[in-house]
Amino acid sequence: MVTKLILALTLPALLVVLFTRVTYNYIIGTGLAIALIVASVFKGYTHTWLIGLFDVISLGAGFWYSKRMYGKDKK
């Protein structure tokens, strides 16, 4: 359970950053990461609401970092 919580706090943020670097757009990167998280929820890999909450927090952190990173690249 602890491993899943740690992964839920890190992997969605890393996915957002990765997809942002690949697509050069932080909104599309976040959308792709959300699609993967939703697919994993429907598949049944998210067993508790706490893991889902950590996924949402991590997605928000990844979005914030990607937006900040994208703003620095534009300047």
N, C-alpha and C. Protein backbone atom coordinates (compact mmCIF):
# COMPACT_ATOMS: atom_id res chain seq x y z
N MET A 1 0.82 -1.19 0.00
CA MET A 1 0.00 0.00 0.00
C MET A 1 0.87 1.26 0.00
N VAL A 2 1.95 1.22 0.77
CA VAL A 2 2.83 2.39 0.85
C VAL A 2 3.49 2.65 -0.50
N THR A 3 3.85 1.59 -1.20
CA THR A 3 4.47 1.73 -2.51
C THR A 3 3.51 2.38 -3.50
N LYS A 4 2.25 1.97 -3.46
CA LYS A 4 1.26 2.57 -4.35
C LYS A 4 1.05 4.06 -4.05
N LEU A 5 1.08 4.42 -2.77
CA LEU A 5 0.92 5.82 -2.41
C LEU A 5 2.11 6.67 -2.89
N ILE A 6 3.30 6.12 -2.75
CA ILE A 6 4.49 6.85 -3.20
C ILE A 6 4.47 7.00 -4.72
N LEU A 7 4.09 5.94 -5.41
CA LEU A 7 3.99 6.02 -6.87
C LEU A 7 2.88 6.97 -7.30
N ALA A 8 1.78 7.02 -6.56
CA ALA A 8 0.69 7.94 -6.88
C ALA A 8 1.11 9.39 -6.69
N LEU A 9 2.07 9.63 -5.80
CA LEU A 9 2.55 10.99 -5.58
C LEU A 9 3.59 11.42 -6.61
N THR A 10 4.24 10.48 -7.28
CA THR A 10 5.32 10.86 -8.18
C THR A 10 5.01 10.63 -9.66
N LEU A 11 4.44 9.50 -10.01
CA LEU A 11 4.29 9.15 -11.42
C LEU A 11 3.39 10.09 -12.23
N PRO A 12 2.23 10.51 -11.74
CA PRO A 12 1.43 11.42 -12.56
C PRO A 12 2.14 12.74 -12.87
N ALA A 13 2.88 13.27 -11.90
CA ALA A 13 3.62 14.51 -12.16
C ALA A 13 4.70 14.28 -13.21
N LEU A 14 5.40 13.16 -13.11
CA LEU A 14 6.42 12.85 -14.10
C LEU A 14 5.81 12.63 -15.49
N LEU A 15 4.63 12.01 -15.53
CA LEU A 15 3.96 11.82 -16.82
C LEU A 15 3.58 13.15 -17.46
N VAL A 16 3.09 14.08 -16.65
CA VAL A 16 2.72 15.39 -17.18
C VAL A 16 3.96 16.09 -17.75
N VAL A 17 5.05 16.04 -17.02
CA VAL A 17 6.28 16.69 -17.49
C VAL A 17 6.78 16.01 -18.77
N LEU A 18 6.76 14.69 -18.80
CA LEU A 18 7.21 13.96 -19.98
C LEU A 18 6.35 14.29 -21.20
N PHE A 19 5.05 14.22 -21.04
CA PHE A 19 4.15 14.51 -22.16
C PHE A 19 4.26 15.98 -22.59
N THR A 20 4.52 16.87 -21.66
CA THR A 20 4.70 18.27 -22.01
C THR A 20 5.96 18.46 -22.84
N ARG A 21 7.02 17.76 -22.48
CA ARG A 21 8.26 17.88 -23.25
C ARG A 21 8.10 17.27 -24.65
N VAL A 22 7.30 16.23 -24.76
CA VAL A 22 7.12 15.58 -26.06
C VAL A 22 6.20 16.40 -26.97
N THR A 23 5.11 16.93 -26.41
CA THR A 23 4.13 17.64 -27.23
C THR A 23 4.37 19.14 -27.30
N TYR A 24 5.25 19.69 -26.46
CA TYR A 24 5.52 21.13 -26.39
C TYR A 24 4.30 21.94 -25.99
N ASN A 25 3.38 21.31 -25.27
CA ASN A 25 2.18 22.01 -24.80
C ASN A 25 1.78 21.40 -23.46
N TYR A 26 1.75 22.23 -22.42
CA TYR A 26 1.46 21.69 -21.09
C TYR A 26 0.01 21.29 -20.92
N ILE A 27 -0.90 21.87 -21.67
CA ILE A 27 -2.31 21.50 -21.56
C ILE A 27 -2.53 20.11 -22.18
N ILE A 28 -1.95 19.87 -23.32
CA ILE A 28 -2.08 18.55 -23.95
C ILE A 28 -1.36 17.49 -23.11
N GLY A 29 -0.21 17.84 -22.56
CA GLY A 29 0.51 16.91 -21.69
C GLY A 29 -0.30 16.52 -20.47
N THR A 30 -0.97 17.50 -19.88
CA THR A 30 -1.82 17.22 -18.73
C THR A 30 -3.03 16.38 -19.14
N GLY A 31 -3.60 16.67 -20.27
CA GLY A 31 -4.74 15.90 -20.76
C GLY A 31 -4.40 14.44 -21.02
N LEU A 32 -3.22 14.20 -21.58
CA LEU A 32 -2.79 12.82 -21.82
C LEU A 32 -2.55 12.08 -20.50
N ALA A 33 -1.96 12.77 -19.53
CA ALA A 33 -1.74 12.13 -18.22
C ALA A 33 -3.07 11.84 -17.53
N ILE A 34 -4.02 12.76 -17.64
CA ILE A 34 -5.35 12.53 -17.05
C ILE A 34 -6.01 11.33 -17.71
N ALA A 35 -5.88 11.22 -19.03
CA ALA A 35 -6.46 10.08 -19.75
C ALA A 35 -5.88 8.77 -19.25
N LEU A 36 -4.57 8.73 -19.02
CA LEU A 36 -3.96 7.51 -18.49
C LEU A 36 -4.44 7.19 -17.08
N ILE A 37 -4.59 8.20 -16.24
CA ILE A 37 -5.07 7.98 -14.87
C ILE A 37 -6.51 7.48 -14.89
N VAL A 38 -7.35 8.08 -15.74
CA VAL A 38 -8.75 7.65 -15.83
C VAL A 38 -8.83 6.21 -16.34
N ALA A 39 -8.00 5.87 -17.31
CA ALA A 39 -7.98 4.49 -17.81
C ALA A 39 -7.56 3.51 -16.71
N SER A 40 -6.59 3.89 -15.90
CA SER A 40 -6.17 2.99 -14.82
C SER A 40 -7.25 2.86 -13.75
N VAL A 41 -8.01 3.92 -13.52
CA VAL A 41 -9.12 3.84 -12.55
C VAL A 41 -10.19 2.90 -13.06
N PHE A 42 -10.55 3.04 -14.35
CA PHE A 42 -11.56 2.16 -14.92
C PHE A 42 -11.09 0.71 -15.00
N LYS A 43 -9.80 0.51 -15.16
CA LYS A 43 -9.26 -0.84 -15.22
C LYS A 43 -9.22 -1.50 -13.84
N GLY A 44 -9.26 -0.69 -12.79
CA GLY A 44 -9.33 -1.24 -11.44
C GLY A 44 -8.03 -1.21 -10.67
N TYR A 45 -7.06 -0.41 -11.11
CA TYR A 45 -5.78 -0.36 -10.42
C TYR A 45 -5.78 0.59 -9.22
N THR A 46 -6.76 1.45 -9.14
CA THR A 46 -6.88 2.37 -8.01
C THR A 46 -7.86 1.75 -7.02
N HIS A 47 -7.34 1.27 -5.90
CA HIS A 47 -8.17 0.52 -4.97
C HIS A 47 -8.81 1.37 -3.89
N THR A 48 -8.19 2.48 -3.53
CA THR A 48 -8.75 3.32 -2.47
C THR A 48 -8.88 4.75 -2.96
N TRP A 49 -9.69 5.52 -2.27
CA TRP A 49 -9.87 6.92 -2.63
C TRP A 49 -8.60 7.73 -2.31
N LEU A 50 -7.79 7.27 -1.39
CA LEU A 50 -6.56 7.97 -1.03
C LEU A 50 -5.56 7.96 -2.19
N ILE A 51 -5.48 6.87 -2.90
CA ILE A 51 -4.61 6.81 -4.07
C ILE A 51 -5.11 7.77 -5.14
N GLY A 52 -6.40 7.84 -5.34
CA GLY A 52 -6.97 8.79 -6.30
C GLY A 52 -6.71 10.22 -5.91
N LEU A 53 -6.79 10.51 -4.62
CA LEU A 53 -6.49 11.86 -4.13
C LEU A 53 -5.03 12.22 -4.38
N PHE A 54 -4.14 11.28 -4.11
CA PHE A 54 -2.72 11.52 -4.36
C PHE A 54 -2.44 11.69 -5.85
N ASP A 55 -3.15 10.97 -6.70
CA ASP A 55 -3.01 11.14 -8.14
C ASP A 55 -3.40 12.56 -8.56
N VAL A 56 -4.49 13.06 -8.01
CA VAL A 56 -4.96 14.41 -8.35
C VAL A 56 -3.96 15.46 -7.86
N ILE A 57 -3.44 15.28 -6.66
CA ILE A 57 -2.44 16.22 -6.12
C ILE A 57 -1.19 16.21 -7.00
N SER A 58 -0.76 15.03 -7.40
CA SER A 58 0.42 14.92 -8.24
C SER A 58 0.19 15.50 -9.63
N LEU A 59 -1.00 15.29 -10.19
CA LEU A 59 -1.32 15.90 -11.48
C LEU A 59 -1.28 17.42 -11.39
N GLY A 60 -1.79 17.96 -10.30
CA GLY A 60 -1.74 19.41 -10.10
C GLY A 60 -0.32 19.93 -10.00
N ALA A 61 0.51 19.21 -9.27
CA ALA A 61 1.92 19.61 -9.14
C ALA A 61 2.64 19.52 -10.48
N GLY A 62 2.36 18.47 -11.24
CA GLY A 62 2.97 18.33 -12.56
C GLY A 62 2.50 19.41 -13.52
N PHE A 63 1.23 19.77 -13.44
CA PHE A 63 0.70 20.86 -14.27
C PHE A 63 1.37 22.17 -13.91
N TRP A 64 1.51 22.44 -12.61
CA TRP A 64 2.14 23.68 -12.16
C TRP A 64 3.59 23.75 -12.65
N TYR A 65 4.32 22.65 -12.49
CA TYR A 65 5.72 22.64 -12.90
C TYR A 65 5.86 22.77 -14.42
N SER A 66 5.00 22.10 -15.16
CA SER A 66 5.06 22.16 -16.62
C SER A 66 4.72 23.56 -17.12
N LYS A 67 3.74 24.18 -16.50
CA LYS A 67 3.37 25.54 -16.88
C LYS A 67 4.52 26.49 -16.59
N ARG A 68 5.16 26.30 -15.46
CA ARG A 68 6.30 27.14 -15.07
C ARG A 68 7.48 26.90 -16.04
N MET A 69 7.72 25.65 -16.37
CA MET A 69 8.79 25.29 -17.28
C MET A 69 8.51 25.84 -18.68
N TYR A 70 7.27 25.75 -19.13
CA TYR A 70 6.89 26.24 -20.44
C TYR A 70 7.03 27.75 -20.51
N GLY A 71 6.71 28.44 -19.44
CA GLY A 71 6.85 29.91 -19.40
C GLY A 71 8.29 30.33 -19.47
N LYS A 72 9.19 29.58 -18.84
CA LYS A 72 10.62 29.91 -18.88
C LYS A 72 11.19 29.67 -20.28
N ASP A 73 10.70 28.64 -20.96
CA ASP A 73 11.20 28.36 -22.31
C ASP A 73 10.78 29.43 -23.32
N LYS A 74 9.61 30.02 -23.11
CA LYS A 74 9.11 31.02 -24.04
C LYS A 74 9.85 32.35 -23.92
N LYS A 75 10.35 32.65 -22.73
CA LYS A 75 10.99 33.96 -22.52
C LYS A 75 12.34 34.04 -23.11
